[in-house]
N, C-alpha and C. Protein backbone atom coordinates (compact mmCIF):
# COMPACT_ATOMS: atom_id res chain seq x y z
N UNK A 1 21.78 -17.30 3.92
CA UNK A 1 21.35 -17.12 2.55
C UNK A 1 21.61 -15.66 2.16
N UNK A 2 22.19 -15.44 1.01
CA UNK A 2 22.47 -14.08 0.56
C UNK A 2 21.18 -13.39 0.15
N UNK A 3 21.22 -12.07 0.12
CA UNK A 3 20.05 -11.28 -0.27
C UNK A 3 19.63 -11.64 -1.69
N UNK A 4 20.60 -11.80 -2.57
CA UNK A 4 20.30 -12.15 -3.97
C UNK A 4 19.55 -13.47 -4.05
N UNK A 5 20.03 -14.47 -3.33
CA UNK A 5 19.37 -15.78 -3.35
C UNK A 5 17.96 -15.69 -2.76
N UNK A 6 17.80 -14.88 -1.71
CA UNK A 6 16.49 -14.69 -1.10
C UNK A 6 15.52 -14.07 -2.11
N UNK A 7 15.97 -13.02 -2.79
CA UNK A 7 15.11 -12.36 -3.78
C UNK A 7 14.78 -13.30 -4.93
N UNK A 8 15.74 -14.10 -5.35
CA UNK A 8 15.50 -15.06 -6.42
C UNK A 8 14.46 -16.09 -5.99
N UNK A 9 14.61 -16.61 -4.77
CA UNK A 9 13.65 -17.59 -4.26
C UNK A 9 12.27 -16.98 -4.14
N UNK A 10 12.22 -15.74 -3.68
CA UNK A 10 10.94 -15.06 -3.52
C UNK A 10 10.29 -14.84 -4.89
N UNK A 11 11.07 -14.43 -5.87
CA UNK A 11 10.53 -14.16 -7.19
C UNK A 11 9.97 -15.42 -7.85
N UNK A 12 10.52 -16.57 -7.52
CA UNK A 12 10.04 -17.80 -8.14
C UNK A 12 8.84 -18.39 -7.41
N UNK A 13 8.55 -17.93 -6.21
CA UNK A 13 7.43 -18.49 -5.45
C UNK A 13 6.25 -17.54 -5.33
N UNK A 14 6.40 -16.29 -5.65
CA UNK A 14 5.33 -15.30 -5.54
C UNK A 14 5.02 -14.71 -6.90
N UNK A 15 3.73 -14.63 -7.21
CA UNK A 15 3.37 -13.89 -8.42
C UNK A 15 3.19 -12.42 -8.03
N UNK A 16 3.10 -11.51 -8.99
CA UNK A 16 3.00 -10.08 -8.66
C UNK A 16 1.82 -9.74 -7.74
N UNK A 17 0.69 -10.38 -7.94
CA UNK A 17 -0.49 -10.11 -7.11
C UNK A 17 -0.21 -10.52 -5.66
N UNK A 18 0.47 -11.65 -5.47
CA UNK A 18 0.82 -12.10 -4.12
C UNK A 18 1.81 -11.13 -3.47
N UNK A 19 2.74 -10.63 -4.25
CA UNK A 19 3.71 -9.66 -3.73
C UNK A 19 3.01 -8.38 -3.30
N UNK A 20 2.07 -7.90 -4.14
CA UNK A 20 1.31 -6.71 -3.78
C UNK A 20 0.52 -6.95 -2.50
N UNK A 21 -0.11 -8.10 -2.39
CA UNK A 21 -0.88 -8.41 -1.19
C UNK A 21 0.02 -8.42 0.04
N UNK A 22 1.16 -9.08 -0.08
CA UNK A 22 2.09 -9.16 1.05
C UNK A 22 2.54 -7.77 1.49
N UNK A 23 2.86 -6.91 0.53
CA UNK A 23 3.29 -5.55 0.87
C UNK A 23 2.17 -4.77 1.56
N UNK A 24 0.96 -4.86 1.01
CA UNK A 24 -0.16 -4.17 1.65
C UNK A 24 -0.41 -4.72 3.05
N UNK A 25 -0.27 -6.03 3.22
CA UNK A 25 -0.48 -6.63 4.54
C UNK A 25 0.55 -6.12 5.53
N UNK A 26 1.81 -6.03 5.14
CA UNK A 26 2.87 -5.56 6.03
C UNK A 26 2.66 -4.09 6.40
N UNK A 27 2.34 -3.28 5.41
CA UNK A 27 2.13 -1.85 5.66
C UNK A 27 0.90 -1.64 6.54
N UNK A 28 -0.17 -2.37 6.24
CA UNK A 28 -1.40 -2.23 7.00
C UNK A 28 -1.20 -2.67 8.45
N UNK A 29 -0.47 -3.74 8.65
CA UNK A 29 -0.16 -4.20 10.01
C UNK A 29 0.58 -3.11 10.78
N UNK A 30 1.49 -2.43 10.12
CA UNK A 30 2.24 -1.34 10.75
C UNK A 30 1.30 -0.19 11.11
N UNK A 31 0.38 0.15 10.21
CA UNK A 31 -0.59 1.21 10.50
C UNK A 31 -1.46 0.83 11.70
N UNK A 32 -1.93 -0.41 11.71
CA UNK A 32 -2.79 -0.87 12.80
C UNK A 32 -2.06 -0.80 14.14
N UNK A 33 -0.82 -1.22 14.15
CA UNK A 33 -0.08 -1.23 15.43
C UNK A 33 0.27 0.18 15.89
N UNK A 34 0.14 1.18 15.02
CA UNK A 34 0.46 2.56 15.39
C UNK A 34 -0.75 3.48 15.43
N UNK A 35 -1.94 2.94 15.18
CA UNK A 35 -3.11 3.81 15.02
C UNK A 35 -3.49 4.59 16.28
N UNK A 36 -3.14 4.10 17.44
CA UNK A 36 -3.51 4.78 18.68
C UNK A 36 -2.37 5.61 19.27
N UNK A 37 -1.26 5.67 18.57
CA UNK A 37 -0.12 6.44 19.06
C UNK A 37 -0.27 7.91 18.67
N UNK A 38 0.44 8.75 19.40
CA UNK A 38 0.50 10.16 19.05
C UNK A 38 1.23 10.31 17.72
N UNK A 39 0.80 11.26 16.93
CA UNK A 39 1.40 11.44 15.61
C UNK A 39 2.85 11.92 15.67
N UNK A 40 3.29 12.36 16.83
CA UNK A 40 4.70 12.76 16.96
C UNK A 40 5.60 11.55 17.18
N UNK A 41 5.01 10.39 17.45
CA UNK A 41 5.78 9.17 17.66
C UNK A 41 6.48 8.79 16.35
N UNK A 42 7.80 8.61 16.39
CA UNK A 42 8.54 8.30 15.15
C UNK A 42 8.05 7.04 14.44
N UNK A 43 7.65 6.03 15.20
CA UNK A 43 7.17 4.79 14.58
C UNK A 43 5.85 5.02 13.85
N UNK A 44 5.02 5.88 14.40
CA UNK A 44 3.74 6.20 13.75
C UNK A 44 3.99 6.95 12.45
N UNK A 45 4.86 7.92 12.50
CA UNK A 45 5.20 8.68 11.28
C UNK A 45 5.79 7.74 10.23
N UNK A 46 6.67 6.82 10.65
CA UNK A 46 7.26 5.87 9.71
C UNK A 46 6.20 5.00 9.06
N UNK A 47 5.22 4.55 9.83
CA UNK A 47 4.15 3.70 9.29
C UNK A 47 3.32 4.46 8.25
N UNK A 48 2.96 5.69 8.58
CA UNK A 48 2.17 6.50 7.65
C UNK A 48 2.98 6.77 6.39
N UNK A 49 4.24 7.12 6.54
CA UNK A 49 5.08 7.41 5.38
C UNK A 49 5.30 6.18 4.52
N UNK A 50 5.47 5.02 5.14
CA UNK A 50 5.65 3.77 4.40
C UNK A 50 4.40 3.52 3.54
N UNK A 51 3.24 3.69 4.14
CA UNK A 51 2.00 3.52 3.40
C UNK A 51 1.91 4.51 2.24
N UNK A 52 2.25 5.76 2.50
CA UNK A 52 2.21 6.80 1.47
C UNK A 52 3.16 6.46 0.32
N UNK A 53 4.35 5.99 0.66
CA UNK A 53 5.32 5.63 -0.38
C UNK A 53 4.87 4.42 -1.20
N UNK A 54 4.21 3.46 -0.54
CA UNK A 54 3.65 2.32 -1.26
C UNK A 54 2.65 2.81 -2.30
N UNK A 55 1.77 3.70 -1.90
CA UNK A 55 0.75 4.21 -2.81
C UNK A 55 1.35 5.08 -3.92
N UNK A 56 2.38 5.84 -3.61
CA UNK A 56 3.05 6.65 -4.64
C UNK A 56 3.69 5.72 -5.68
N UNK A 57 4.30 4.64 -5.21
CA UNK A 57 4.90 3.66 -6.13
C UNK A 57 3.82 3.02 -6.99
N UNK A 58 2.72 2.66 -6.37
CA UNK A 58 1.60 2.08 -7.10
C UNK A 58 1.08 3.07 -8.14
N UNK A 59 0.94 4.32 -7.75
CA UNK A 59 0.47 5.35 -8.66
C UNK A 59 1.40 5.49 -9.87
N UNK A 60 2.68 5.47 -9.62
CA UNK A 60 3.65 5.57 -10.70
C UNK A 60 3.53 4.39 -11.65
N UNK A 61 3.37 3.18 -11.10
CA UNK A 61 3.21 1.99 -11.92
C UNK A 61 1.92 2.07 -12.74
N UNK A 62 0.85 2.52 -12.13
CA UNK A 62 -0.43 2.62 -12.82
C UNK A 62 -0.39 3.63 -13.97
N UNK A 63 0.43 4.66 -13.83
CA UNK A 63 0.53 5.69 -14.86
C UNK A 63 1.38 5.26 -16.04
N UNK A 64 2.12 4.17 -15.88
CA UNK A 64 3.00 3.71 -16.94
C UNK A 64 2.23 3.13 -18.13
N UNK A 65 2.79 3.30 -19.29
CA UNK A 65 2.17 2.80 -20.53
C UNK A 65 2.03 1.28 -20.54
N UNK A 66 2.93 0.60 -19.87
CA UNK A 66 2.94 -0.87 -19.93
C UNK A 66 2.09 -1.51 -18.83
N UNK A 67 1.35 -0.71 -18.06
CA UNK A 67 0.48 -1.28 -17.03
C UNK A 67 -0.69 -1.99 -17.70
N UNK A 68 -0.98 -3.21 -17.24
CA UNK A 68 -1.97 -4.04 -17.90
C UNK A 68 -3.40 -3.87 -17.41
N UNK A 69 -3.62 -3.05 -16.39
CA UNK A 69 -4.99 -2.86 -15.89
C UNK A 69 -5.82 -2.06 -16.88
N UNK A 70 -7.12 -2.28 -16.92
CA UNK A 70 -8.01 -1.47 -17.78
C UNK A 70 -7.93 0.01 -17.38
N UNK A 71 -8.13 0.89 -18.35
CA UNK A 71 -8.00 2.33 -18.12
C UNK A 71 -8.88 2.83 -16.97
N UNK A 72 -10.12 2.35 -16.90
CA UNK A 72 -11.03 2.83 -15.86
C UNK A 72 -10.53 2.45 -14.47
N UNK A 73 -10.05 1.23 -14.31
CA UNK A 73 -9.52 0.79 -13.03
C UNK A 73 -8.26 1.56 -12.69
N UNK A 74 -7.42 1.77 -13.68
CA UNK A 74 -6.20 2.54 -13.43
C UNK A 74 -6.54 3.94 -12.93
N UNK A 75 -7.50 4.58 -13.57
CA UNK A 75 -7.90 5.94 -13.17
C UNK A 75 -8.45 5.95 -11.75
N UNK A 76 -9.26 4.96 -11.41
CA UNK A 76 -9.82 4.89 -10.06
C UNK A 76 -8.72 4.69 -9.02
N UNK A 77 -7.78 3.82 -9.31
CA UNK A 77 -6.69 3.56 -8.36
C UNK A 77 -5.75 4.75 -8.24
N UNK A 78 -5.52 5.47 -9.33
CA UNK A 78 -4.69 6.68 -9.28
C UNK A 78 -5.38 7.73 -8.42
N UNK A 79 -6.69 7.89 -8.59
CA UNK A 79 -7.44 8.84 -7.75
C UNK A 79 -7.35 8.45 -6.29
N UNK A 80 -7.44 7.17 -6.02
CA UNK A 80 -7.33 6.68 -4.65
C UNK A 80 -5.93 6.95 -4.09
N UNK A 81 -4.92 6.76 -4.92
CA UNK A 81 -3.55 7.03 -4.49
C UNK A 81 -3.36 8.51 -4.14
N UNK A 82 -3.97 9.38 -4.91
CA UNK A 82 -3.89 10.82 -4.63
C UNK A 82 -4.56 11.13 -3.29
N UNK A 83 -5.73 10.50 -3.06
CA UNK A 83 -6.43 10.68 -1.79
C UNK A 83 -5.57 10.18 -0.63
N UNK A 84 -4.97 9.00 -0.79
CA UNK A 84 -4.12 8.44 0.27
C UNK A 84 -2.97 9.40 0.60
N UNK A 85 -2.37 9.98 -0.42
CA UNK A 85 -1.27 10.92 -0.19
C UNK A 85 -1.76 12.12 0.62
N UNK A 86 -2.88 12.69 0.23
CA UNK A 86 -3.41 13.86 0.95
C UNK A 86 -3.81 13.50 2.38
N UNK A 87 -4.49 12.37 2.55
CA UNK A 87 -4.92 11.96 3.89
C UNK A 87 -3.72 11.64 4.77
N UNK A 88 -2.70 11.04 4.18
CA UNK A 88 -1.49 10.71 4.93
C UNK A 88 -0.82 11.96 5.46
N UNK A 89 -0.76 12.97 4.64
CA UNK A 89 -0.15 14.23 5.08
C UNK A 89 -0.92 14.83 6.25
N UNK A 90 -2.26 14.76 6.17
CA UNK A 90 -3.09 15.25 7.28
C UNK A 90 -2.85 14.40 8.53
N UNK A 91 -2.77 13.10 8.35
CA UNK A 91 -2.56 12.19 9.49
C UNK A 91 -1.22 12.47 10.16
N UNK A 92 -0.20 12.75 9.38
CA UNK A 92 1.12 13.04 9.95
C UNK A 92 1.10 14.32 10.77
N UNK A 93 0.19 15.24 10.41
CA UNK A 93 0.06 16.49 11.16
C UNK A 93 -0.91 16.34 12.34
N UNK A 94 -1.49 15.15 12.50
CA UNK A 94 -2.44 14.92 13.57
C UNK A 94 -3.84 15.42 13.26
N UNK A 95 -4.11 15.72 11.99
CA UNK A 95 -5.41 16.26 11.58
C UNK A 95 -6.36 15.20 11.04
N UNK A 96 -5.91 13.95 10.98
CA UNK A 96 -6.74 12.87 10.45
C UNK A 96 -6.35 11.57 11.12
N UNK A 97 -7.31 10.66 11.15
CA UNK A 97 -7.09 9.36 11.78
C UNK A 97 -6.51 8.37 10.76
N UNK A 98 -5.96 7.29 11.28
CA UNK A 98 -5.39 6.25 10.41
C UNK A 98 -6.43 5.25 9.93
N UNK A 99 -7.58 5.19 10.60
CA UNK A 99 -8.60 4.20 10.25
C UNK A 99 -8.99 4.21 8.77
N UNK A 100 -9.19 5.38 8.14
CA UNK A 100 -9.54 5.35 6.71
C UNK A 100 -8.43 4.75 5.84
N UNK A 101 -7.18 5.00 6.18
CA UNK A 101 -6.07 4.42 5.42
C UNK A 101 -6.07 2.91 5.57
N UNK A 102 -6.30 2.44 6.78
CA UNK A 102 -6.35 1.01 7.05
C UNK A 102 -7.50 0.38 6.27
N UNK A 103 -8.64 1.04 6.27
CA UNK A 103 -9.82 0.53 5.56
C UNK A 103 -9.57 0.43 4.05
N UNK A 104 -8.96 1.45 3.49
CA UNK A 104 -8.65 1.44 2.05
C UNK A 104 -7.69 0.30 1.73
N UNK A 105 -6.66 0.14 2.54
CA UNK A 105 -5.69 -0.94 2.30
C UNK A 105 -6.35 -2.30 2.38
N UNK A 106 -7.23 -2.48 3.37
CA UNK A 106 -7.93 -3.77 3.50
C UNK A 106 -8.81 -4.03 2.28
N UNK A 107 -9.44 -3.01 1.77
CA UNK A 107 -10.27 -3.17 0.56
C UNK A 107 -9.41 -3.59 -0.63
N UNK A 108 -8.25 -2.99 -0.76
CA UNK A 108 -7.34 -3.35 -1.86
C UNK A 108 -6.88 -4.80 -1.68
N UNK A 109 -6.56 -5.18 -0.46
CA UNK A 109 -6.13 -6.56 -0.20
C UNK A 109 -7.24 -7.54 -0.55
N UNK A 110 -8.47 -7.21 -0.20
CA UNK A 110 -9.60 -8.06 -0.53
C UNK A 110 -9.76 -8.18 -2.05
N UNK A 111 -9.58 -7.06 -2.74
CA UNK A 111 -9.65 -7.07 -4.20
C UNK A 111 -8.56 -7.94 -4.82
N UNK A 112 -7.38 -7.89 -4.25
CA UNK A 112 -6.28 -8.72 -4.77
C UNK A 112 -6.58 -10.20 -4.58
N UNK A 113 -7.17 -10.55 -3.44
CA UNK A 113 -7.53 -11.94 -3.19
C UNK A 113 -8.61 -12.39 -4.15
N UNK A 114 -9.64 -11.57 -4.31
CA UNK A 114 -10.75 -11.92 -5.20
C UNK A 114 -10.33 -11.99 -6.65
N UNK A 115 -9.41 -11.11 -7.05
CA UNK A 115 -8.92 -11.11 -8.43
C UNK A 115 -8.11 -12.39 -8.70
N UNK A 116 -7.45 -12.88 -7.67
CA UNK A 116 -6.67 -14.11 -7.81
C UNK A 116 -7.54 -15.33 -8.01
N UNK A 117 -8.79 -15.24 -7.59
CA UNK A 117 -9.72 -16.37 -7.73
C UNK A 117 -10.40 -16.38 -9.09
N UNK A 118 -10.38 -15.26 -9.77
CA UNK A 118 -11.08 -15.15 -11.07
C UNK A 118 -10.36 -15.89 -12.17
């Protein structure tokens, strides 16, 4: 199956909330599998950076005029994204643990599931 066909099939079977959940699940799984490694380990650095880039992308989307979330929620999530970026940088230097990043991601995933039920 070509990449284009795969993306088309994925787009027709996943709504945006499901896609966000899937991405958070994949990134969080990577963080969990690397949480006990030394921060100099390339796979650990990749996991932290992947998580940081996910949050930067989310932050950019939240800052856009066409984002449909309420202003208060957008502001809270942007603040959280800024915290994730700062904590990630500390974690990459070995000055912070990955557990708080994992916890934040799990909370977001739980929120996505609960929002889907509403």
